[in-house]
Amino acid sequence: MANYLIRRLAFAAVTVLFITFFVYALIRMMPGDPTTTEAAALNPDKPISKEDYKRMQRTFGLDQPWYLAYFKWVGNVARGNLSSSFFHKRPVRGVIAEHIGPTLLLSIPAIILAYTISIPIGLYSTAQSGTLIERTISLLLYFLYSLPSFVAGLWLLVFFYLRLQDTMFALPASQMTSDNFEELSPLGRLWDIWTHMILPLTCLTYGSLAYDSRFTKANMEEVMRQDYIRTARAKGMHPFWIIVNHGFRNTLIPFITLLGLSLPGLLSGAVILETIFNWPGMGYLFYDAISHRDYPLIMGLVLMFTILTLAGQLMADIAYAFADPRITYK
């Protein structure tokens, strides 16, 4: 196991370097740069002189070729320094830390709800395979999965914010809290955050719910055709125990893979949804960083997302050995 972990960690380090290298090259080749944003914030009646422009380029590190700037960034990261945000004028680590909480507030309930609802639906669909009920559920799941989350978000905004305005069913359209949040009681603050969460949480959950349900059913159908399932049926075991104890337990390997791949989603957020609902999470921060050409902040987020993705895959591989004794990493 130790040799396997060493090999995987070495491969992960090389992967991180390749990904960050290509992303840094890509963002430096995008039209515009931080000096454009900085110049737009200045007085338009006073054009920037060449000396001021060169000074801004030195300040943002744009006076060097991009590959030299990348290796300088790697050196800073190796020392635990993610540099300072061009736009926020603060360390990148602090800016990211401020937006982790709102993202977790959406992503953790979304994942819990998706798995809590999707697994029973997938198992029930397996038990009702070939019936009208199963086909109706499958049709509904296909519809939910094919419906883009941003389209659903706009529909929900039109209905719950515009059509139901000034009614008891109206919901906030954006932000995580109301303007009078500080004046509310502790219970009122919780309720205020919850009402702001409902719409983005719904959009973030239904797509995963539809995919996870279909994923569970597809894997269960393959398992239910195995010989040991027919043997359990021949012995007169209850169908519920056949599906749960013999069927679902043997689908844990692909299910663990799905869980491992969902780890980056805990902190990566949803760029489009968080932008639509103006939710101050990681997705909105990533969009904001790209808009302002905030290179250090973009690279800090890309680094975090890459490490989380690789960590999720590694955790899934390790969990395989616990789920299936036949798998060993010796």
C-alpha atoms as a PDB file:
ATOM      1  CA  MET A   1       0.000   0.000   0.000  1.00  0.00           C
ATOM      2  CA  ALA A   2       2.820   2.422   0.854  1.00  0.00           C
ATOM      3  CA  ASN A   3       4.522   1.924  -2.531  1.00  0.00           C
ATOM      4  CA  TYR A   4       1.176   2.412  -4.273  1.00  0.00           C
ATOM      5  CA  LEU A   5       0.534   5.671  -2.403  1.00  0.00           C
ATOM      6  CA  ILE A   6       4.021   6.963  -3.207  1.00  0.00           C
ATOM      7  CA  ARG A   7       3.527   6.244  -6.919  1.00  0.00           C
ATOM      8  CA  ARG A   8       0.097   7.857  -6.937  1.00  0.00           C
ATOM      9  CA  LEU A   9       1.312  10.960  -5.098  1.00  0.00           C
ATOM     10  CA  ALA A  10       4.266  11.325  -7.478  1.00  0.00           C
ATOM     11  CA  PHE A  11       1.933  10.994 -10.468  1.00  0.00           C
ATOM     12  CA  ALA A  12      -0.448  13.521  -8.867  1.00  0.00           C
ATOM     13  CA  ALA A  13       2.372  16.054  -8.409  1.00  0.00           C
ATOM     14  CA  VAL A  14       3.320  15.786 -12.102  1.00  0.00           C
ATOM     15  CA  THR A  15      -0.352  16.089 -13.088  1.00  0.00           C
ATOM     16  CA  VAL A  16      -0.754  19.240 -11.002  1.00  0.00           C
ATOM     17  CA  LEU A  17       2.286  20.795 -12.673  1.00  0.00           C
ATOM     18  CA  PHE A  18       1.009  20.006 -16.177  1.00  0.00           C
ATOM     19  CA  ILE A  19      -2.500  21.299 -15.493  1.00  0.00           C
ATOM     20  CA  THR A  20      -1.381  24.528 -13.825  1.00  0.00           C
ATOM     21  CA  PHE A  21       1.209  25.122 -16.569  1.00  0.00           C
ATOM     22  CA  PHE A  22      -1.348  24.902 -19.375  1.00  0.00           C
ATOM     23  CA  VAL A  23      -3.969  26.901 -17.465  1.00  0.00           C
ATOM     24  CA  TYR A  24      -1.455  29.665 -16.731  1.00  0.00           C
ATOM     25  CA  ALA A  25      -0.465  29.780 -20.384  1.00  0.00           C
ATOM     26  CA  LEU A  26      -4.127  29.920 -21.395  1.00  0.00           C
ATOM     27  CA  ILE A  27      -5.117  32.777 -19.080  1.00  0.00           C
ATOM     28  CA  ARG A  28      -2.078  34.830 -20.071  1.00  0.00           C
ATOM     29  CA  MET A  29      -3.115  34.464 -23.715  1.00  0.00           C
ATOM     30  CA  MET A  30      -6.675  35.683 -23.082  1.00  0.00           C
ATOM     31  CA  PRO A  31      -7.549  39.118 -24.489  1.00  0.00           C
ATOM     32  CA  GLY A  32      -7.070  41.852 -21.914  1.00  0.00           C
ATOM     33  CA  ASP A  33      -5.027  41.846 -18.731  1.00  0.00           C
ATOM     34  CA  PRO A  34      -5.204  43.299 -15.182  1.00  0.00           C
ATOM     35  CA  THR A  35      -3.925  46.664 -16.413  1.00  0.00           C
ATOM     36  CA  THR A  36      -7.119  47.031 -18.466  1.00  0.00           C
ATOM     37  CA  THR A  37      -9.265  46.625 -15.350  1.00  0.00           C
ATOM     38  CA  GLU A  38      -7.014  48.938 -13.385  1.00  0.00           C
ATOM     39  CA  ALA A  39      -7.112  51.609 -16.104  1.00  0.00           C
ATOM     40  CA  ALA A  40     -10.912  51.417 -16.293  1.00  0.00           C
ATOM     41  CA  ALA A  41     -11.129  52.299 -12.599  1.00  0.00           C
ATOM     42  CA  LEU A  42      -9.081  55.480 -13.042  1.00  0.00           C
ATOM     43  CA  ASN A  43     -10.289  58.911 -14.078  1.00  0.00           C
ATOM     44  CA  PRO A  44     -11.120  58.768 -17.808  1.00  0.00           C
ATOM     45  CA  ASP A  45     -10.246  62.465 -18.168  1.00  0.00           C
ATOM     46  CA  LYS A  46      -6.614  61.693 -17.332  1.00  0.00           C
ATOM     47  CA  PRO A  47      -5.138  59.182 -19.786  1.00  0.00           C
ATOM     48  CA  ILE A  48      -2.458  56.848 -18.464  1.00  0.00           C
ATOM     49  CA  SER A  49       1.088  57.767 -19.363  1.00  0.00           C
ATOM     50  CA  LYS A  50       3.565  55.214 -20.664  1.00  0.00           C
ATOM     51  CA  GLU A  51       5.484  55.369 -17.388  1.00  0.00           C
ATOM     52  CA  ASP A  52       2.350  54.605 -15.373  1.00  0.00           C
ATOM     53  CA  TYR A  53       1.462  51.752 -17.713  1.00  0.00           C
ATOM     54  CA  LYS A  54       4.920  50.207 -17.342  1.00  0.00           C
ATOM     55  CA  ARG A  55       4.687  50.627 -13.588  1.00  0.00           C
ATOM     56  CA  MET A  56       1.376  48.755 -13.546  1.00  0.00           C
ATOM     57  CA  GLN A  57       2.869  46.000 -15.682  1.00  0.00           C
ATOM     58  CA  ARG A  58       5.737  45.599 -13.194  1.00  0.00           C
ATOM     59  CA  THR A  59       3.246  45.595 -10.322  1.00  0.00           C
ATOM     60  CA  PHE A  60       1.225  42.778 -11.898  1.00  0.00           C
ATOM     61  CA  GLY A  61       4.298  40.877 -13.096  1.00  0.00           C
ATOM     62  CA  LEU A  62       3.387  41.359 -16.755  1.00  0.00           C
ATOM     63  CA  ASP A  63       6.826  42.698 -17.679  1.00  0.00           C
ATOM     64  CA  GLN A  64       8.131  39.105 -17.774  1.00  0.00           C
ATOM     65  CA  PRO A  65       7.389  36.296 -20.259  1.00  0.00           C
ATOM     66  CA  TRP A  66       4.488  34.140 -19.056  1.00  0.00           C
ATOM     67  CA  TYR A  67       6.610  31.013 -18.574  1.00  0.00           C
ATOM     68  CA  LEU A  68       9.017  32.860 -16.263  1.00  0.00           C
ATOM     69  CA  ALA A  69       6.056  34.265 -14.349  1.00  0.00           C
ATOM     70  CA  TYR A  70       4.662  30.730 -14.031  1.00  0.00           C
ATOM     71  CA  PHE A  71       7.839  29.329 -12.496  1.00  0.00           C
ATOM     72  CA  LYS A  72       7.905  32.281 -10.120  1.00  0.00           C
ATOM     73  CA  TRP A  73       4.330  31.408  -9.131  1.00  0.00           C
ATOM     74  CA  VAL A  74       5.324  27.749  -8.601  1.00  0.00           C
ATOM     75  CA  GLY A  75       8.178  28.878  -6.357  1.00  0.00           C
ATOM     76  CA  ASN A  76       5.791  30.954  -4.271  1.00  0.00           C
ATOM     77  CA  VAL A  77       3.355  28.031  -3.983  1.00  0.00           C
ATOM     78  CA  ALA A  78       6.179  25.729  -2.864  1.00  0.00           C
ATOM     79  CA  ARG A  79       6.794  28.170  -0.005  1.00  0.00           C
ATOM     80  CA  GLY A  80       3.091  28.174   0.881  1.00  0.00           C
ATOM     81  CA  ASN A  81       2.393  31.575  -0.666  1.00  0.00           C
ATOM     82  CA  LEU A  82      -0.455  31.844  -3.198  1.00  0.00           C
ATOM     83  CA  SER A  83       0.396  35.519  -3.841  1.00  0.00           C
ATOM     84  CA  SER A  84      -2.087  38.402  -3.558  1.00  0.00           C
ATOM     85  CA  SER A  85      -5.218  38.974  -5.569  1.00  0.00           C
ATOM     86  CA  PHE A  86      -4.897  41.744  -8.148  1.00  0.00           C
ATOM     87  CA  PHE A  87      -8.519  42.805  -7.782  1.00  0.00           C
ATOM     88  CA  HIS A  88      -9.160  42.259  -4.062  1.00  0.00           C
ATOM     89  CA  LYS A  89      -5.714  43.546  -3.013  1.00  0.00           C
ATOM     90  CA  ARG A  90      -5.504  40.801  -0.389  1.00  0.00           C
ATOM     91  CA  PRO A  91      -3.831  37.384  -0.102  1.00  0.00           C
ATOM     92  CA  VAL A  92      -5.476  34.772  -2.329  1.00  0.00           C
ATOM     93  CA  ARG A  93      -5.733  32.340   0.573  1.00  0.00           C
ATOM     94  CA  GLY A  94      -7.908  34.757   2.544  1.00  0.00           C
ATOM     95  CA  VAL A  95     -10.143  35.562  -0.426  1.00  0.00           C
ATOM     96  CA  ILE A  96     -10.765  31.859  -1.091  1.00  0.00           C
ATOM     97  CA  ALA A  97     -11.416  31.138   2.591  1.00  0.00           C
ATOM     98  CA  GLU A  98     -14.196  33.753   2.664  1.00  0.00           C
ATOM     99  CA  HIS A  99     -16.113  31.990  -0.127  1.00  0.00           C
ATOM    100  CA  ILE A 100     -15.714  28.374   1.023  1.00  0.00           C
ATOM    101  CA  GLY A 101     -18.482  28.650   3.642  1.00  0.00           C
ATOM    102  CA  PRO A 102     -21.279  29.747   1.258  1.00  0.00           C
ATOM    103  CA  THR A 103     -20.309  27.027  -1.222  1.00  0.00           C
ATOM    104  CA  LEU A 104     -20.326  24.304   1.449  1.00  0.00           C
ATOM    105  CA  LEU A 105     -23.687  25.627   2.628  1.00  0.00           C
ATOM    106  CA  LEU A 106     -25.091  24.660  -0.775  1.00  0.00           C
ATOM    107  CA  SER A 107     -22.962  21.696  -1.849  1.00  0.00           C
ATOM    108  CA  ILE A 108     -23.166  19.542   1.292  1.00  0.00           C
ATOM    109  CA  PRO A 109     -26.996  19.578   1.531  1.00  0.00           C
ATOM    110  CA  ALA A 110     -27.188  19.098  -2.252  1.00  0.00           C
ATOM    111  CA  ILE A 111     -25.024  15.968  -2.160  1.00  0.00           C
ATOM    112  CA  ILE A 112     -26.810  14.568   0.901  1.00  0.00           C
ATOM    113  CA  LEU A 113     -30.236  15.175  -0.641  1.00  0.00           C
ATOM    114  CA  ALA A 114     -29.187  13.742  -4.017  1.00  0.00           C
ATOM    115  CA  TYR A 115     -27.884  10.477  -2.577  1.00  0.00           C
ATOM    116  CA  THR A 116     -30.619  10.143   0.044  1.00  0.00           C
ATOM    117  CA  ILE A 117     -33.323  10.378  -2.612  1.00  0.00           C
ATOM    118  CA  SER A 118     -31.582   8.840  -5.634  1.00  0.00           C
ATOM    119  CA  ILE A 119     -30.522   5.531  -4.062  1.00  0.00           C
ATOM    120  CA  PRO A 120     -34.067   4.519  -2.987  1.00  0.00           C
ATOM    121  CA  ILE A 121     -35.401   5.641  -6.387  1.00  0.00           C
ATOM    122  CA  GLY A 122     -32.759   3.568  -8.188  1.00  0.00           C
ATOM    123  CA  LEU A 123     -33.460   0.501  -6.042  1.00  0.00           C
ATOM    124  CA  TYR A 124     -37.214   0.885  -6.421  1.00  0.00           C
ATOM    125  CA  SER A 125     -36.873   1.245 -10.198  1.00  0.00           C
ATOM    126  CA  THR A 126     -34.835  -1.954 -10.228  1.00  0.00           C
ATOM    127  CA  ALA A 127     -37.524  -3.786  -8.266  1.00  0.00           C
ATOM    128  CA  GLN A 128     -40.200  -2.464 -10.670  1.00  0.00           C
ATOM    129  CA  SER A 129     -38.149  -3.082 -13.828  1.00  0.00           C
ATOM    130  CA  GLY A 130     -40.271  -3.352 -16.965  1.00  0.00           C
ATOM    131  CA  THR A 131     -43.429  -1.990 -15.365  1.00  0.00           C
ATOM    132  CA  LEU A 132     -45.290   1.212 -16.177  1.00  0.00           C
ATOM    133  CA  ILE A 133     -44.140   2.729 -12.880  1.00  0.00           C
ATOM    134  CA  GLU A 134     -40.481   2.146 -13.735  1.00  0.00           C
ATOM    135  CA  ARG A 135     -40.887   3.621 -17.220  1.00  0.00           C
ATOM    136  CA  THR A 136     -42.647   6.691 -15.823  1.00  0.00           C
ATOM    137  CA  ILE A 137     -39.855   7.218 -13.288  1.00  0.00           C
ATOM    138  CA  SER A 138     -37.227   6.790 -16.017  1.00  0.00           C
ATOM    139  CA  LEU A 139     -38.980   9.319 -18.253  1.00  0.00           C
ATOM    140  CA  LEU A 140     -39.125  11.848 -15.424  1.00  0.00           C
ATOM    141  CA  LEU A 141     -35.455  11.286 -14.569  1.00  0.00           C
ATOM    142  CA  TYR A 142     -34.425  11.716 -18.218  1.00  0.00           C
ATOM    143  CA  PHE A 143     -36.371  14.979 -18.329  1.00  0.00           C
ATOM    144  CA  LEU A 144     -34.707  16.290 -15.165  1.00  0.00           C
ATOM    145  CA  TYR A 145     -31.250  15.248 -16.338  1.00  0.00           C
ATOM    146  CA  SER A 146     -31.684  16.903 -19.743  1.00  0.00           C
ATOM    147  CA  LEU A 147     -33.016  20.163 -18.278  1.00  0.00           C
ATOM    148  CA  PRO A 148     -30.092  22.618 -17.916  1.00  0.00           C
ATOM    149  CA  SER A 149     -29.775  23.938 -14.380  1.00  0.00           C
ATOM    150  CA  PHE A 150     -29.486  27.553 -15.509  1.00  0.00           C
ATOM    151  CA  VAL A 151     -32.769  27.249 -17.446  1.00  0.00           C
ATOM    152  CA  ALA A 152     -34.468  25.778 -14.388  1.00  0.00           C
ATOM    153  CA  GLY A 153     -32.960  28.576 -12.295  1.00  0.00           C
ATOM    154  CA  LEU A 154     -34.428  31.247 -14.545  1.00  0.00           C
ATOM    155  CA  TRP A 155     -37.848  29.548 -14.508  1.00  0.00           C
ATOM    156  CA  LEU A 156     -37.809  29.343 -10.727  1.00  0.00           C
ATOM    157  CA  LEU A 157     -36.848  33.016 -10.470  1.00  0.00           C
ATOM    158  CA  VAL A 158     -39.676  34.051 -12.770  1.00  0.00           C
ATOM    159  CA  PHE A 159     -42.209  31.979 -10.830  1.00  0.00           C
ATOM    160  CA  PHE A 160     -41.177  32.379  -7.185  1.00  0.00           C
ATOM    161  CA  TYR A 161     -39.753  35.896  -7.351  1.00  0.00           C
ATOM    162  CA  LEU A 162     -41.866  37.668  -9.989  1.00  0.00           C
ATOM    163  CA  ARG A 163     -45.185  35.797 -10.212  1.00  0.00           C
ATOM    164  CA  LEU A 164     -45.490  35.123  -6.464  1.00  0.00           C
ATOM    165  CA  GLN A 165     -44.169  38.503  -5.382  1.00  0.00           C
ATOM    166  CA  ASP A 166     -45.900  39.955  -2.297  1.00  0.00           C
ATOM    167  CA  THR A 167     -47.276  36.527  -1.361  1.00  0.00           C
ATOM    168  CA  MET A 168     -46.247  34.158   1.418  1.00  0.00           C
ATOM    169  CA  PHE A 169     -44.682  31.819  -1.167  1.00  0.00           C
ATOM    170  CA  ALA A 170     -42.331  34.434  -2.654  1.00  0.00           C
ATOM    171  CA  LEU A 171     -38.616  33.644  -2.420  1.00  0.00           C
ATOM    172  CA  PRO A 172     -35.544  35.933  -2.649  1.00  0.00           C
ATOM    173  CA  ALA A 173     -33.892  36.245  -6.031  1.00  0.00           C
ATOM    174  CA  SER A 174     -30.229  36.699  -5.116  1.00  0.00           C
ATOM    175  CA  GLN A 175     -27.574  36.960  -2.426  1.00  0.00           C
ATOM    176  CA  MET A 176     -27.238  34.762   0.643  1.00  0.00           C
ATOM    177  CA  THR A 177     -28.886  37.149   3.116  1.00  0.00           C
ATOM    178  CA  SER A 178     -31.292  40.078   3.160  1.00  0.00           C
ATOM    179  CA  ASP A 179     -30.286  43.703   3.654  1.00  0.00           C
ATOM    180  CA  ASN A 180     -31.623  43.706   7.231  1.00  0.00           C
ATOM    181  CA  PHE A 181     -29.826  40.477   8.167  1.00  0.00           C
ATOM    182  CA  GLU A 182     -27.892  42.047  11.050  1.00  0.00           C
ATOM    183  CA  GLU A 183     -31.124  43.275  12.648  1.00  0.00           C
ATOM    184  CA  LEU A 184     -32.726  39.821  12.761  1.00  0.00           C
ATOM    185  CA  SER A 185     -32.789  37.409  15.684  1.00  0.00           C
ATOM    186  CA  PRO A 186     -30.644  34.218  15.527  1.00  0.00           C
ATOM    187  CA  LEU A 187     -33.678  32.172  14.469  1.00  0.00           C
ATOM    188  CA  GLY A 188     -34.659  34.867  11.975  1.00  0.00           C
ATOM    189  CA  ARG A 189     -31.159  34.784  10.485  1.00  0.00           C
ATOM    190  CA  LEU A 190     -31.352  31.020   9.991  1.00  0.00           C
ATOM    191  CA  TRP A 191     -34.714  31.369   8.293  1.00  0.00           C
ATOM    192  CA  ASP A 192     -33.418  34.194   6.117  1.00  0.00           C
ATOM    193  CA  ILE A 193     -30.448  32.111   4.924  1.00  0.00           C
ATOM    194  CA  TRP A 194     -32.717  29.111   4.309  1.00  0.00           C
ATOM    195  CA  THR A 195     -35.157  31.085   2.155  1.00  0.00           C
ATOM    196  CA  HIS A 196     -32.223  32.353   0.080  1.00  0.00           C
ATOM    197  CA  MET A 197     -30.905  28.774  -0.260  1.00  0.00           C
ATOM    198  CA  ILE A 198     -34.070  27.112  -1.559  1.00  0.00           C
ATOM    199  CA  LEU A 199     -33.849  28.075  -5.240  1.00  0.00           C
ATOM    200  CA  PRO A 200     -30.102  27.497  -5.828  1.00  0.00           C
ATOM    201  CA  LEU A 201     -30.212  24.309  -3.733  1.00  0.00           C
ATOM    202  CA  THR A 202     -33.083  22.966  -5.840  1.00  0.00           C
ATOM    203  CA  CYS A 203     -31.222  23.665  -9.078  1.00  0.00           C
ATOM    204  CA  LEU A 204     -28.021  22.152  -7.706  1.00  0.00           C
ATOM    205  CA  THR A 205     -29.745  18.973  -6.495  1.00  0.00           C
ATOM    206  CA  TYR A 206     -32.160  17.806  -9.178  1.00  0.00           C
ATOM    207  CA  GLY A 207     -29.563  17.151 -11.882  1.00  0.00           C
ATOM    208  CA  SER A 208     -27.393  15.042  -9.573  1.00  0.00           C
ATOM    209  CA  LEU A 209     -30.484  13.265  -8.274  1.00  0.00           C
ATOM    210  CA  ALA A 210     -31.528  12.258 -11.799  1.00  0.00           C
ATOM    211  CA  TYR A 211     -28.018  11.092 -12.764  1.00  0.00           C
ATOM    212  CA  ASP A 212     -27.395   9.183  -9.515  1.00  0.00           C
ATOM    213  CA  SER A 213     -30.764   7.419  -9.766  1.00  0.00           C
ATOM    214  CA  ARG A 214     -30.059   6.263 -13.322  1.00  0.00           C
ATOM    215  CA  PHE A 215     -26.515   5.320 -12.298  1.00  0.00           C
ATOM    216  CA  THR A 216     -27.786   3.174  -9.411  1.00  0.00           C
ATOM    217  CA  LYS A 217     -30.409   1.467 -11.570  1.00  0.00           C
ATOM    218  CA  ALA A 218     -27.976   0.746 -14.416  1.00  0.00           C
ATOM    219  CA  ASN A 219     -25.479  -0.902 -12.084  1.00  0.00           C
ATOM    220  CA  MET A 220     -28.207  -2.793 -10.241  1.00  0.00           C
ATOM    221  CA  GLU A 221     -29.618  -4.227 -13.486  1.00  0.00           C
ATOM    222  CA  GLU A 222     -26.217  -5.689 -14.331  1.00  0.00           C
ATOM    223  CA  VAL A 223     -25.842  -7.208 -10.859  1.00  0.00           C
ATOM    224  CA  MET A 224     -29.381  -8.628 -10.812  1.00  0.00           C
ATOM    225  CA  ARG A 225     -28.517 -10.815 -13.826  1.00  0.00           C
ATOM    226  CA  GLN A 226     -25.746 -12.636 -11.936  1.00  0.00           C
ATOM    227  CA  ASP A 227     -25.981 -16.278 -10.902  1.00  0.00           C
ATOM    228  CA  TYR A 228     -25.868 -15.628  -7.155  1.00  0.00           C
ATOM    229  CA  ILE A 229     -28.985 -13.455  -7.437  1.00  0.00           C
ATOM    230  CA  ARG A 230     -30.856 -16.295  -9.122  1.00  0.00           C
ATOM    231  CA  THR A 231     -29.611 -18.621  -6.371  1.00  0.00           C
ATOM    232  CA  ALA A 232     -30.905 -16.255  -3.677  1.00  0.00           C
ATOM    233  CA  ARG A 233     -34.290 -16.114  -5.421  1.00  0.00           C
ATOM    234  CA  ALA A 234     -34.403 -19.895  -5.677  1.00  0.00           C
ATOM    235  CA  LYS A 235     -33.824 -20.157  -1.924  1.00  0.00           C
ATOM    236  CA  GLY A 236     -36.946 -18.055  -1.366  1.00  0.00           C
ATOM    237  CA  MET A 237     -35.268 -14.980   0.056  1.00  0.00           C
ATOM    238  CA  HIS A 238     -37.370 -11.827   0.331  1.00  0.00           C
ATOM    239  CA  PRO A 239     -36.959  -9.562  -2.748  1.00  0.00           C
ATOM    240  CA  PHE A 240     -36.076  -6.593  -0.529  1.00  0.00           C
ATOM    241  CA  TRP A 241     -33.072  -8.389   0.994  1.00  0.00           C
ATOM    242  CA  ILE A 242     -31.987  -9.667  -2.405  1.00  0.00           C
ATOM    243  CA  ILE A 243     -31.901  -6.130  -3.802  1.00  0.00           C
ATOM    244  CA  VAL A 244     -30.347  -4.415  -0.768  1.00  0.00           C
ATOM    245  CA  ASN A 245     -28.082  -7.064   0.750  1.00  0.00           C
ATOM    246  CA  HIS A 246     -26.971  -9.007  -2.339  1.00  0.00           C
ATOM    247  CA  GLY A 247     -27.520  -6.507  -5.122  1.00  0.00           C
ATOM    248  CA  PHE A 248     -26.646  -3.052  -3.830  1.00  0.00           C
ATOM    249  CA  ARG A 249     -23.603  -4.230  -1.869  1.00  0.00           C
ATOM    250  CA  ASN A 250     -22.066  -5.473  -5.103  1.00  0.00           C
ATOM    251  CA  THR A 251     -22.551  -2.111  -6.827  1.00  0.00           C
ATOM    252  CA  LEU A 252     -20.417  -0.284  -4.266  1.00  0.00           C
ATOM    253  CA  ILE A 253     -17.308  -0.199  -6.482  1.00  0.00           C
ATOM    254  CA  PRO A 254     -18.795   2.073  -9.189  1.00  0.00           C
ATOM    255  CA  PHE A 255     -20.719   3.928  -6.484  1.00  0.00           C
ATOM    256  CA  ILE A 256     -17.486   4.693  -4.603  1.00  0.00           C
ATOM    257  CA  THR A 257     -16.056   6.047  -7.858  1.00  0.00           C
ATOM    258  CA  LEU A 258     -19.041   8.360  -8.144  1.00  0.00           C
ATOM    259  CA  LEU A 259     -18.574   9.516  -4.552  1.00  0.00           C
ATOM    260  CA  GLY A 260     -14.890  10.189  -5.140  1.00  0.00           C
ATOM    261  CA  LEU A 261     -15.613  12.275  -8.221  1.00  0.00           C
ATOM    262  CA  SER A 262     -18.168  14.323  -6.257  1.00  0.00           C
ATOM    263  CA  LEU A 263     -15.510  15.503  -3.784  1.00  0.00           C
ATOM    264  CA  PRO A 264     -14.308  18.429  -5.959  1.00  0.00           C
ATOM    265  CA  GLY A 265     -17.931  19.563  -6.263  1.00  0.00           C
ATOM    266  CA  LEU A 266     -18.004  20.238  -2.518  1.00  0.00           C
ATOM    267  CA  LEU A 267     -15.735  23.258  -2.933  1.00  0.00           C
ATOM    268  CA  SER A 268     -15.744  24.053  -6.642  1.00  0.00           C
ATOM    269  CA  GLY A 269     -19.291  25.402  -6.572  1.00  0.00           C
ATOM    270  CA  ALA A 270     -21.437  25.995  -9.632  1.00  0.00           C
ATOM    271  CA  VAL A 271     -20.244  28.920 -11.740  1.00  0.00           C
ATOM    272  CA  ILE A 272     -23.442  29.534 -13.715  1.00  0.00           C
ATOM    273  CA  LEU A 273     -25.892  28.950 -10.851  1.00  0.00           C
ATOM    274  CA  GLU A 274     -23.970  31.026  -8.335  1.00  0.00           C
ATOM    275  CA  THR A 275     -23.729  33.821 -10.895  1.00  0.00           C
ATOM    276  CA  ILE A 276     -27.478  33.692 -11.653  1.00  0.00           C
ATOM    277  CA  PHE A 277     -28.416  33.782  -7.966  1.00  0.00           C
ATOM    278  CA  ASN A 278     -25.484  36.061  -7.051  1.00  0.00           C
ATOM    279  CA  TRP A 279     -24.487  33.527  -4.408  1.00  0.00           C
ATOM    280  CA  PRO A 280     -21.084  34.456  -2.878  1.00  0.00           C
ATOM    281  CA  GLY A 281     -19.486  31.037  -3.322  1.00  0.00           C
ATOM    282  CA  MET A 282     -16.498  29.570  -5.112  1.00  0.00           C
ATOM    283  CA  GLY A 283     -18.232  29.410  -8.481  1.00  0.00           C
ATOM    284  CA  TYR A 284     -19.106  33.096  -8.386  1.00  0.00           C
ATOM    285  CA  LEU A 285     -15.561  33.887  -7.210  1.00  0.00           C
ATOM    286  CA  PHE A 286     -14.078  31.941 -10.123  1.00  0.00           C
ATOM    287  CA  TYR A 287     -16.260  33.813 -12.615  1.00  0.00           C
ATOM    288  CA  ASP A 288     -15.345  37.121 -10.981  1.00  0.00           C
ATOM    289  CA  ALA A 289     -11.634  36.281 -11.081  1.00  0.00           C
ATOM    290  CA  ILE A 290     -11.782  35.504 -14.813  1.00  0.00           C
ATOM    291  CA  SER A 291     -13.746  38.695 -15.514  1.00  0.00           C
ATOM    292  CA  HIS A 292     -11.088  40.830 -13.808  1.00  0.00           C
ATOM    293  CA  ARG A 293      -8.149  38.813 -15.209  1.00  0.00           C
ATOM    294  CA  ASP A 294      -7.073  38.157 -11.625  1.00  0.00           C
ATOM    295  CA  TYR A 295      -4.280  35.697 -12.450  1.00  0.00           C
ATOM    296  CA  PRO A 296      -3.181  34.782  -8.887  1.00  0.00           C
ATOM    297  CA  LEU A 297      -6.774  34.157  -7.792  1.00  0.00           C
ATOM    298  CA  ILE A 298      -7.537  32.079 -10.911  1.00  0.00           C
ATOM    299  CA  MET A 299      -4.430  29.964 -10.370  1.00  0.00           C
ATOM    300  CA  GLY A 300      -5.189  29.534  -6.666  1.00  0.00           C
ATOM    301  CA  LEU A 301      -8.662  28.230  -7.485  1.00  0.00           C
ATOM    302  CA  VAL A 302      -7.403  25.972 -10.301  1.00  0.00           C
ATOM    303  CA  LEU A 303      -4.753  24.555  -7.961  1.00  0.00           C
ATOM    304  CA  MET A 304      -7.356  23.803  -5.301  1.00  0.00           C
ATOM    305  CA  PHE A 305      -9.810  22.210  -7.762  1.00  0.00           C
ATOM    306  CA  THR A 306      -7.043  20.057  -9.286  1.00  0.00           C
ATOM    307  CA  ILE A 307      -5.824  18.794  -5.916  1.00  0.00           C
ATOM    308  CA  LEU A 308      -9.382  18.025  -4.817  1.00  0.00           C
ATOM    309  CA  THR A 309     -10.068  16.049  -8.009  1.00  0.00           C
ATOM    310  CA  LEU A 310      -6.902  13.976  -7.638  1.00  0.00           C
ATOM    311  CA  ALA A 311      -7.555  13.474  -3.916  1.00  0.00           C
ATOM    312  CA  GLY A 312     -11.089  12.258  -4.637  1.00  0.00           C
ATOM    313  CA  GLN A 313      -9.802   9.707  -7.147  1.00  0.00           C
ATOM    314  CA  LEU A 314      -7.130   8.500  -4.717  1.00  0.00           C
ATOM    315  CA  MET A 315      -9.639   8.160  -1.882  1.00  0.00           C
ATOM    316  CA  ALA A 316     -11.957   6.181  -4.172  1.00  0.00           C
ATOM    317  CA  ASP A 317      -9.138   3.821  -5.164  1.00  0.00           C
ATOM    318  CA  ILE A 318      -8.228   3.220  -1.525  1.00  0.00           C
ATOM    319  CA  ALA A 319     -11.876   2.650  -0.597  1.00  0.00           C
ATOM    320  CA  TYR A 320     -12.107  -0.080  -3.256  1.00  0.00           C
ATOM    321  CA  ALA A 321      -9.976  -2.362  -1.088  1.00  0.00           C
ATOM    322  CA  PHE A 322     -12.389  -1.943   1.834  1.00  0.00           C
ATOM    323  CA  ALA A 323     -15.488  -2.482  -0.309  1.00  0.00           C
ATOM    324  CA  ASP A 324     -14.137  -5.541  -2.141  1.00  0.00           C
ATOM    325  CA  PRO A 325     -11.639  -7.867  -0.350  1.00  0.00           C
ATOM    326  CA  ARG A 326     -10.516  -9.206  -3.741  1.00  0.00           C
ATOM    327  CA  ILE A 327      -8.838  -5.859  -4.495  1.00  0.00           C
ATOM    328  CA  THR A 328      -5.360  -5.393  -3.043  1.00  0.00           C
ATOM    329  CA  TYR A 329      -2.593  -2.838  -3.630  1.00  0.00           C
ATOM    330  CA  LYS A 330       0.326  -4.953  -2.446  1.00  0.00           C
END
